[in-house]
Protein backbone atom coordinates (compact mmCIF):
# COMPACT_ATOMS: atom_id res chain seq x y z
CA MET A 1 -29.56 4.37 22.95
CA VAL A 2 -30.31 8.06 23.27
CA ALA A 3 -27.72 10.73 21.75
CA THR A 4 -28.16 14.46 21.37
CA THR A 5 -24.50 15.49 20.02
CA VAL A 6 -22.69 14.79 16.98
CA GLY A 7 -19.26 15.40 16.59
CA VAL A 8 -17.47 16.11 13.31
CA LEU A 9 -13.95 14.50 13.03
CA ARG A 10 -10.65 16.48 11.17
CA GLU A 11 -9.37 13.77 9.17
CA THR A 12 -5.77 12.77 9.59
CA VAL A 13 -5.08 10.45 6.91
CA PRO A 14 -2.21 12.03 4.66
CA GLY A 15 -3.81 13.89 1.48
CA GLU A 16 -7.32 13.33 2.69
CA GLY A 17 -9.33 16.80 2.42
CA ARG A 18 -13.06 15.60 2.50
CA VAL A 19 -15.13 16.28 5.72
CA ALA A 20 -17.91 14.12 6.99
CA LEU A 21 -20.67 17.32 7.37
CA VAL A 22 -20.43 20.43 5.40
CA PRO A 23 -21.53 23.66 6.70
CA ASP A 24 -24.64 23.93 4.61
CA LEU A 25 -25.99 20.75 6.27
CA VAL A 26 -25.55 21.66 9.88
CA PRO A 27 -29.17 23.10 10.24
CA ALA A 28 -30.48 20.22 8.93
CA VAL A 29 -28.92 18.11 11.54
CA GLY A 30 -30.12 20.60 14.10
CA ARG A 31 -33.52 20.16 13.08
CA LEU A 32 -33.38 16.22 13.95
CA GLY A 33 -32.64 17.65 17.70
CA LEU A 34 -29.01 17.03 17.32
CA LYS A 35 -26.28 19.73 18.68
CA VAL A 36 -23.36 19.75 16.22
CA LEU A 37 -19.54 19.98 17.38
CA VAL A 38 -16.75 20.28 14.78
CA GLU A 39 -13.21 19.86 15.32
CA ALA A 40 -11.52 23.00 14.68
CA GLY A 41 -10.06 22.75 11.11
CA ALA A 42 -12.04 19.91 9.78
CA GLY A 43 -13.37 21.46 6.76
CA GLU A 44 -10.23 23.69 5.93
CA GLY A 45 -9.18 20.84 3.11
CA ALA A 46 -12.47 21.24 1.33
CA TRP A 47 -12.48 25.09 1.84
CA HIS A 48 -15.15 24.80 4.64
CA HIS A 49 -13.49 27.29 6.97
CA ASP A 50 -14.49 27.20 10.86
CA ALA A 51 -16.22 30.69 10.55
CA ALA A 52 -18.74 28.84 7.87
CA TYR A 53 -19.41 26.15 10.80
CA SER A 54 -19.81 28.79 13.56
CA ALA A 55 -22.40 30.89 11.43
CA ALA A 56 -24.29 27.38 10.32
CA GLY A 57 -24.96 26.79 14.38
CA ALA A 58 -22.27 24.26 14.93
CA GLU A 59 -20.02 24.83 17.75
CA LEU A 60 -16.07 24.51 17.22
CA THR A 61 -13.83 22.54 19.91
CA GLY A 62 -10.62 20.39 20.01
CA ARG A 63 -10.27 16.80 19.35
CA ALA A 64 -9.86 15.55 23.02
CA GLU A 65 -13.23 17.43 23.88
CA LEU A 66 -15.06 16.29 20.91
CA LEU A 67 -14.36 12.66 21.81
CA LEU A 68 -15.33 13.09 25.39
CA HIS A 69 -18.64 14.89 24.38
CA ALA A 70 -19.90 13.76 20.98
CA ASP A 71 -22.33 10.85 21.34
CA VAL A 72 -22.05 10.09 17.65
CA LEU A 73 -18.59 10.72 15.93
CA LEU A 74 -18.62 11.38 12.04
CA GLY A 75 -15.53 10.98 9.90
CA ILE A 76 -14.79 9.75 6.39
CA HIS A 77 -12.00 7.16 7.84
CA PRO A 78 -12.17 5.58 11.17
CA PRO A 79 -9.90 7.16 13.98
CA THR A 80 -6.98 5.44 14.83
CA GLY A 81 -4.22 5.06 17.35
CA ASP A 82 -4.92 7.46 20.36
CA SER A 83 -8.07 8.71 19.04
CA SER A 84 -9.29 5.10 18.72
CA LEU A 85 -8.27 4.24 22.25
CA ARG A 86 -10.18 7.14 23.89
CA LEU A 87 -13.88 5.87 22.14
CA ARG A 88 -15.93 5.38 24.97
CA ARG A 89 -18.71 2.80 25.74
CA GLY A 90 -21.84 3.52 24.00
CA GLN A 91 -20.39 5.94 21.49
CA VAL A 92 -21.68 5.65 18.11
CA LEU A 93 -18.82 6.20 15.25
CA VAL A 94 -20.23 6.57 11.64
CA THR A 95 -17.29 6.34 8.83
CA MET A 96 -16.28 4.33 5.88
CA VAL A 97 -15.20 1.50 7.57
CA TYR A 98 -14.08 -1.28 5.31
CA PRO A 99 -14.03 -3.66 8.22
CA THR A 100 -12.29 -6.68 6.78
CA ARG A 101 -9.30 -4.46 6.03
CA ILE A 102 -9.09 -3.29 9.99
CA ALA A 103 -10.38 -6.18 11.69
CA PHE A 104 -8.25 -6.03 14.79
CA LEU A 105 -9.25 -2.43 15.24
CA VAL A 106 -12.94 -3.33 14.77
CA ARG A 107 -12.16 -5.97 17.53
CA GLN A 108 -11.02 -3.14 19.64
CA TRP A 109 -14.06 -1.04 19.12
CA ALA A 110 -16.40 -4.01 19.93
CA ASP A 111 -13.97 -4.52 23.51
CA LEU A 112 -14.80 -0.74 24.27
CA GLY A 113 -18.26 -1.02 23.88
CA VAL A 114 -18.56 1.43 20.61
CA THR A 115 -21.17 0.98 17.99
CA SER A 116 -19.65 1.42 14.49
CA ILE A 117 -21.72 1.87 11.21
CA GLY A 118 -20.07 1.69 7.88
CA LEU A 119 -21.76 4.05 5.07
CA ASP A 120 -19.74 2.01 3.01
CA LEU A 121 -21.83 -1.13 3.78
CA ALA A 122 -25.44 0.34 2.78
CA PRO A 123 -27.41 -2.75 1.44
CA ALA A 124 -27.89 -1.83 -2.32
CA ARG A 125 -31.06 -3.98 -2.55
CA LEU A 126 -33.03 -1.82 -0.30
CA PRO A 127 -34.06 1.43 -1.71
CA ALA A 128 -34.43 2.95 1.93
CA ALA A 129 -30.66 2.35 2.21
CA TYR A 130 -29.70 4.25 -1.01
CA PRO A 131 -29.59 7.75 0.44
CA MET A 132 -26.91 6.40 3.02
CA ASP A 133 -24.68 4.64 0.49
CA ALA A 134 -21.43 6.46 0.62
CA ALA A 135 -19.60 3.70 -1.36
CA ALA A 136 -22.40 4.61 -4.20
CA SER A 137 -21.62 8.30 -3.92
CA GLN A 138 -18.22 8.48 -3.84
CA GLY A 139 -17.75 5.65 -6.45
CA ARG A 140 -19.53 7.70 -8.79
CA ILE A 141 -17.08 10.68 -8.41
CA ALA A 142 -14.35 8.23 -8.70
CA GLY A 143 -15.74 6.96 -12.08
CA TYR A 144 -16.14 10.18 -13.70
CA ARG A 145 -12.67 11.37 -12.45
CA ALA A 146 -11.07 8.25 -13.91
CA VAL A 147 -12.39 8.94 -17.40
CA LEU A 148 -10.91 12.49 -17.10
CA LEU A 149 -7.67 11.36 -15.98
CA ALA A 150 -7.31 8.81 -18.91
CA ALA A 151 -8.49 11.43 -21.27
CA ALA A 152 -5.60 13.62 -20.06
CA ARG A 153 -2.95 10.76 -20.73
CA LEU A 154 -4.53 9.13 -23.98
CA GLY A 155 -3.11 9.96 -27.62
CA SER A 156 -6.39 10.48 -28.99
CA CYS A 157 -9.36 12.87 -28.11
CA LEU A 158 -12.39 11.09 -27.10
CA PRO A 159 -14.90 13.16 -28.94
CA PRO A 160 -14.51 11.94 -32.50
CA TRP A 161 -13.72 15.38 -34.16
CA GLY A 162 -13.26 15.71 -37.70
CA THR A 163 -14.79 16.29 -41.12
CA SER A 164 -18.35 14.87 -41.82
CA ASP A 165 -16.83 12.00 -43.71
CA GLY A 166 -15.56 10.63 -40.44
CA LEU A 167 -11.72 11.41 -40.47
CA PHE A 168 -11.46 10.30 -36.85
CA ALA A 169 -13.00 7.03 -35.30
CA PRO A 170 -14.33 7.12 -31.79
CA VAL A 171 -12.02 6.19 -29.09
CA ARG A 172 -12.85 2.50 -27.84
CA VAL A 173 -13.39 2.21 -24.27
CA LEU A 174 -13.74 -0.92 -22.21
CA VAL A 175 -15.00 -1.13 -18.83
CA VAL A 176 -14.63 -4.29 -16.80
CA GLY A 177 -17.11 -4.08 -13.80
CA ALA A 178 -20.14 -1.90 -13.84
CA GLY A 179 -20.65 -1.26 -10.26
CA HIS A 180 -21.02 2.44 -9.34
CA PRO A 181 -17.64 3.68 -10.50
CA GLY A 182 -17.94 1.66 -13.63
CA LEU A 183 -21.44 2.84 -14.56
CA GLN A 184 -20.46 6.41 -13.92
CA ALA A 185 -17.23 5.98 -16.36
CA ILE A 186 -19.54 4.29 -18.92
CA ASP A 187 -21.89 7.41 -18.63
CA THR A 188 -18.93 9.99 -18.84
CA ALA A 189 -17.16 8.31 -21.92
CA HIS A 190 -20.32 7.67 -23.72
CA ARG A 191 -21.12 11.47 -23.22
CA LEU A 192 -17.79 12.52 -24.43
CA GLY A 193 -18.15 10.55 -27.49
CA ALA A 194 -16.37 7.38 -27.03
CA LEU A 195 -17.60 3.78 -28.37
CA VAL A 196 -18.10 1.90 -24.72
CA HIS A 197 -17.94 -1.70 -24.25
CA VAL A 198 -18.51 -3.52 -21.02
CA VAL A 199 -17.46 -6.71 -19.19
CA GLU A 200 -20.06 -7.26 -16.53
CA LEU A 201 -21.97 -10.66 -15.26
CA ARG A 202 -24.28 -9.21 -12.79
CA GLY A 203 -27.67 -8.89 -14.27
CA PRO A 204 -29.00 -5.77 -12.89
CA GLU A 205 -25.76 -4.11 -13.51
CA ARG A 206 -25.78 -5.52 -17.26
CA ALA A 207 -29.00 -3.56 -17.86
CA GLN A 208 -27.91 -0.33 -16.22
CA ALA A 209 -24.93 -0.39 -18.54
CA VAL A 210 -26.58 -1.03 -21.53
CA ALA A 211 -29.11 1.90 -20.58
CA LEU A 212 -26.01 4.34 -20.33
CA GLY A 213 -24.99 3.71 -24.02
CA ALA A 214 -22.51 0.67 -23.50
CA GLU A 215 -22.39 -2.46 -25.63
CA LEU A 216 -22.26 -5.79 -23.59
CA LEU A 217 -18.99 -7.90 -24.11
CA ASP A 218 -20.11 -11.61 -23.44
CA LEU A 219 -16.84 -13.63 -22.45
CA PRO A 220 -16.77 -17.38 -23.51
CA GLY A 221 -17.35 -19.52 -20.58
CA LEU A 222 -18.85 -16.92 -18.44
CA HIS A 223 -22.55 -16.60 -17.98
CA PRO A 224 -24.72 -13.88 -16.30
CA VAL A 225 -25.52 -14.04 -12.76
CA ASP A 226 -27.94 -12.37 -10.12
CA ASP A 227 -25.67 -10.81 -7.71
CA ASP A 228 -22.22 -10.06 -5.89
CA LEU A 229 -22.65 -13.48 -4.21
CA ALA A 230 -23.42 -15.39 -7.30
CA LEU A 231 -20.50 -13.55 -8.92
CA ARG A 232 -17.85 -14.45 -6.38
CA GLU A 233 -18.88 -18.15 -6.25
CA GLY A 234 -19.17 -18.12 -10.13
CA LEU A 235 -15.47 -17.00 -10.46
CA GLU A 236 -13.83 -19.17 -7.83
CA HIS A 237 -12.92 -21.64 -10.35
CA ARG A 238 -13.12 -19.62 -13.40
CA ARG A 239 -10.57 -16.73 -12.68
CA SER A 240 -8.49 -18.05 -15.89
CA VAL A 241 -11.52 -17.79 -18.05
CA LEU A 242 -12.29 -14.13 -16.99
CA ARG A 243 -8.39 -13.38 -17.16
CA SER A 244 -8.16 -14.99 -21.14
CA GLY A 245 -11.45 -13.17 -21.87
CA VAL A 246 -10.50 -9.53 -20.65
CA ALA A 247 -7.05 -9.87 -22.16
CA ALA A 248 -8.61 -10.83 -25.88
CA ALA A 249 -11.01 -7.78 -25.36
CA ALA A 250 -8.41 -5.09 -23.95
CA VAL A 251 -5.97 -5.35 -26.60
CA ARG A 252 -8.75 -4.38 -29.22
CA HIS A 253 -9.46 -1.02 -27.12
CA ASP A 254 -7.69 2.44 -26.30
CA LEU A 255 -8.88 2.79 -22.99
CA VAL A 256 -9.54 0.40 -20.33
CA LEU A 257 -10.98 1.01 -16.81
CA THR A 258 -10.95 -1.77 -14.59
CA VAL A 259 -13.14 -1.65 -11.43
CA LEU A 260 -14.05 -5.32 -10.66
CA ASP A 261 -14.05 -5.35 -6.84
CA LEU A 262 -15.54 -8.30 -4.85
CA PRO A 263 -17.23 -7.44 -1.47
CA ASP A 264 -14.93 -8.46 1.53
CA HIS A 265 -12.24 -10.21 -0.90
CA GLU A 266 -9.25 -8.83 -2.59
CA PRO A 267 -10.05 -7.53 -6.15
CA PRO A 268 -9.35 -10.44 -8.72
CA THR A 269 -6.42 -10.15 -11.23
CA VAL A 270 -7.93 -9.77 -14.60
CA LEU A 271 -5.01 -8.48 -16.91
CA ASP A 272 -1.21 -9.58 -16.19
CA ARG A 273 1.77 -7.58 -17.50
CA ASP A 274 2.12 -9.72 -20.56
CA THR A 275 -1.33 -8.82 -22.01
CA VAL A 276 -0.82 -4.90 -20.80
CA ALA A 277 2.59 -5.02 -22.72
CA THR A 278 0.67 -5.94 -26.14
CA MET A 279 -1.92 -2.95 -25.98
CA LEU A 280 -2.30 -0.66 -28.51
CA PRO A 281 0.39 2.16 -28.50
CA GLY A 282 -0.66 5.15 -26.77
CA SER A 283 -3.42 3.38 -24.95
CA VAL A 284 -4.17 4.00 -21.08
CA LEU A 285 -5.30 1.74 -18.59
CA VAL A 286 -6.79 2.73 -15.22
CA ASP A 287 -7.03 0.21 -12.24
CA LEU A 288 -9.91 1.64 -10.14
CA ALA A 289 -9.62 -1.28 -7.88
CA ALA A 290 -5.70 -0.74 -7.05
CA GLY A 291 -5.17 -1.00 -3.46
CA PRO A 292 -2.59 -2.07 -0.86
CA GLY A 293 -3.37 -5.88 -1.42
CA GLY A 294 -3.43 -5.34 -5.42
CA GLY A 295 -6.10 -4.72 -7.99
CA ASN A 296 -7.43 -5.86 -11.35
CA ILE A 297 -4.03 -5.27 -13.06
CA GLU A 298 -0.97 -7.40 -11.99
CA GLY A 299 1.49 -5.34 -10.21
CA VAL A 300 -0.11 -2.10 -10.18
CA GLY A 301 -0.51 -0.34 -6.65
CA PRO A 302 -2.72 2.64 -5.94
CA ASP A 303 -1.71 6.29 -6.88
CA THR A 304 0.96 4.79 -9.23
CA VAL A 305 1.53 5.94 -13.14
CA THR A 306 3.95 3.32 -15.07
CA LEU A 307 4.81 3.23 -18.65
CA VAL A 308 4.71 -0.62 -20.18
CA GLY A 309 5.53 -1.60 -23.83
CA ASP A 310 5.06 0.90 -26.83
CA GLY A 311 3.89 3.86 -24.89
CA VAL A 312 1.02 2.18 -22.63
CA THR A 313 0.28 4.13 -19.53
CA VAL A 314 -1.13 2.21 -16.44
CA ILE A 315 -2.55 4.23 -13.99
CA GLY A 316 -3.27 2.79 -10.53
CA ALA A 317 -6.02 5.06 -9.32
CA GLY A 318 -6.05 5.00 -5.50
CA ASP A 319 -8.98 7.13 -3.93
CA LEU A 320 -9.76 9.60 -6.87
CA ALA A 321 -12.90 10.86 -4.98
CA ALA A 322 -10.58 12.53 -2.43
CA GLY A 323 -8.95 14.61 -5.12
CA VAL A 324 -12.17 16.59 -5.59
CA PRO A 325 -13.10 17.27 -1.88
CA THR A 326 -15.75 19.87 -2.13
CA THR A 327 -18.05 17.87 -4.28
CA ALA A 328 -17.09 14.52 -2.51
CA SER A 329 -17.68 16.19 1.02
CA LEU A 330 -21.01 17.35 -0.04
CA ALA A 331 -22.00 13.82 -1.26
CA TYR A 332 -21.03 12.29 1.75
CA ALA A 333 -22.71 14.66 4.12
CA HIS A 334 -25.74 13.76 2.29
CA ASN A 335 -25.33 10.21 3.09
CA VAL A 336 -24.46 10.89 6.77
CA LEU A 337 -27.61 13.42 7.02
CA ALA A 338 -29.84 10.47 5.94
CA LEU A 339 -28.45 7.95 8.25
CA LEU A 340 -29.00 10.36 10.98
CA ALA A 341 -32.57 10.97 10.03
CA HIS A 342 -33.17 7.11 9.86
CA LEU A 343 -31.57 6.59 13.33
CA THR A 344 -33.72 9.66 14.78
CA ARG A 345 -37.07 9.13 12.63
CA GLY A 346 -38.81 11.72 15.17
CA GLY A 347 -37.53 10.59 18.33
CA PRO A 348 -34.42 10.01 20.10
CA LEU A 349 -31.28 8.64 18.00
CA THR A 350 -31.32 4.83 18.36
CA VAL A 351 -29.37 1.95 16.82
CA ASP A 352 -31.67 -0.93 16.05
CA PRO A 353 -29.40 -3.69 14.17
CA THR A 354 -32.27 -5.88 13.66
CA ASP A 355 -33.76 -2.93 11.30
CA PRO A 356 -33.18 -4.45 7.85
CA VAL A 357 -31.42 -1.30 6.44
CA LEU A 358 -29.05 -1.18 9.68
CA ASP A 359 -28.35 -4.81 9.70
CA ALA A 360 -25.82 -4.88 6.97
CA MET A 361 -24.34 -1.34 8.14
CA VAL A 362 -23.69 -1.75 12.05
CA VAL A 363 -20.24 -3.40 12.41
CA THR A 364 -19.91 -3.60 16.11
CA HIS A 365 -22.59 -3.14 18.82
CA ARG A 366 -22.79 -3.95 22.68
CA GLY A 367 -19.33 -5.57 22.72
CA THR A 368 -19.95 -7.91 19.69
CA VAL A 369 -18.37 -7.75 16.04
CA ARG A 370 -21.31 -8.38 13.91
CA HIS A 371 -19.83 -8.10 10.35
CA GLY A 372 -19.55 -11.73 9.60
CA PRO A 373 -16.51 -11.68 7.25
CA THR A 374 -14.88 -9.42 9.76
CA ALA A 375 -15.88 -11.87 12.78
CA ARG A 376 -14.40 -14.84 10.66
CA LEU A 377 -11.15 -13.15 9.73
CA LEU A 378 -10.76 -12.59 13.68
CA ALA A 379 -11.81 -16.08 14.49
CA GLU A 380 -9.52 -17.56 12.14
CA ALA A 381 -6.71 -15.35 13.37
CA THR A 382 -7.57 -16.38 17.03
CA ALA A 383 -7.58 -20.10 16.22
CA ALA A 384 -4.34 -19.83 14.02
CA ALA A 385 -2.57 -18.30 17.20
CA GLY A 386 -3.72 -20.89 19.55
CA LEU A 387 -5.85 -18.78 21.58
CA PRO A 388 -9.19 -19.69 23.45
C-alpha cells in the first residue's frame, strides 16, 4: 500500500480540544515524504490556529475534501456517522480505537476495505512500539491530573508542612492499579510529599511503583502475576478477595485513586458504596477507570462528583487528558509521528500486519477484523441473532 497524503481530522466529540498533529511536527511528517492536509479549525481547541498549520507547510481544507483526498486519516477519536460512511477502500485510519467498545463500527470499516490502526493498542512488551503508545502518553497525563484534581478537594495539603517536630502528618494515598496512569499518580503524589501505597499484582508494574517511591500493599489471598493476561485470569474467581482487601486498605487512607483496567474487559469493581461511606471524613476518591460501562467504584460514572457519608468526595474522572489539550496534543502527535516513521521507514508508506509492532495495532485490514476480542464479540452477536 502506497500513500502520500495524510489528513488531520477536526474532532467532533463534545468537549474534545485535542488534535492529532500539531504545527511544530508538520515539517517532520513532510520529511517522511508525506503531504499534510488539515481540516480547517482542527487545532483550535488546543490553541493551534489554522495560520500556524499553513506556516508549517500544511494545506487547509474542508472535511469532505479531506476524506476524499487523504490516504491516511489522523484523529484522536474514530469518525462516526456520515464521516465514517465516506471512508474509502484502501484508506488508512489512525486513532485511539478501543475497538471492543465500537465493534459494529469496526465491522463497517472492514466491509468498506479500510485499514484501521489503534494507537491505544501498541504492544507494551516491545520497546520499538513504545514511542507509538498513545494509551501510555495520555494515561500519564491523566494520572498527573488526577492527583491535582483530588488535592484541590482534599481537606489536607499534600505536602506535610509544619514545624520541625512534625505537626502535620503526610497525606496517605492509595493507588489501586499501577498501569501508566497509576504510575504517574504515584510519582506525582510522592513528589508532593504524600505517603503512597499501591495495590498491584503484576510483577513489572510492582517494581516500577517501588522505584517511584511507593510502598506495596499485598492483599491476603492474592499473589503477584506476570502480565495483564495472568491478572485477568487470576481475578476471574477472586474478585471478592480483591474487593475485601482493597476495602480494608482504603479506609486507612485520605486519598484513593483507582485505575485498574483490564484490556478488552469492563473494569472490575473494587470498592462498593458501603465501604466508600465509611471512609475518613474529608477524604477523596478518584476513579480513573470510570466509563459508560462502569468503573472501579460502584455506581460511579465518568465526569461526576458525588458526596458520600461524612464529607467523602467521589470523583468519576472521565478523560482527564482532554482537559489539557495543548500538552496532550503534543504528546499524541509524537505518537502519530513515530507510527508514520515506522510505516514509511525510508520508502513508501506500507502497512504490514505481520510486523510484530503492528500485529496488535492493526484492527481491520483488507476486509477482515483482525483484533481478536472484537472479532469474537461480532461472532457472538451474529450467532445470537441467528445469522450465518
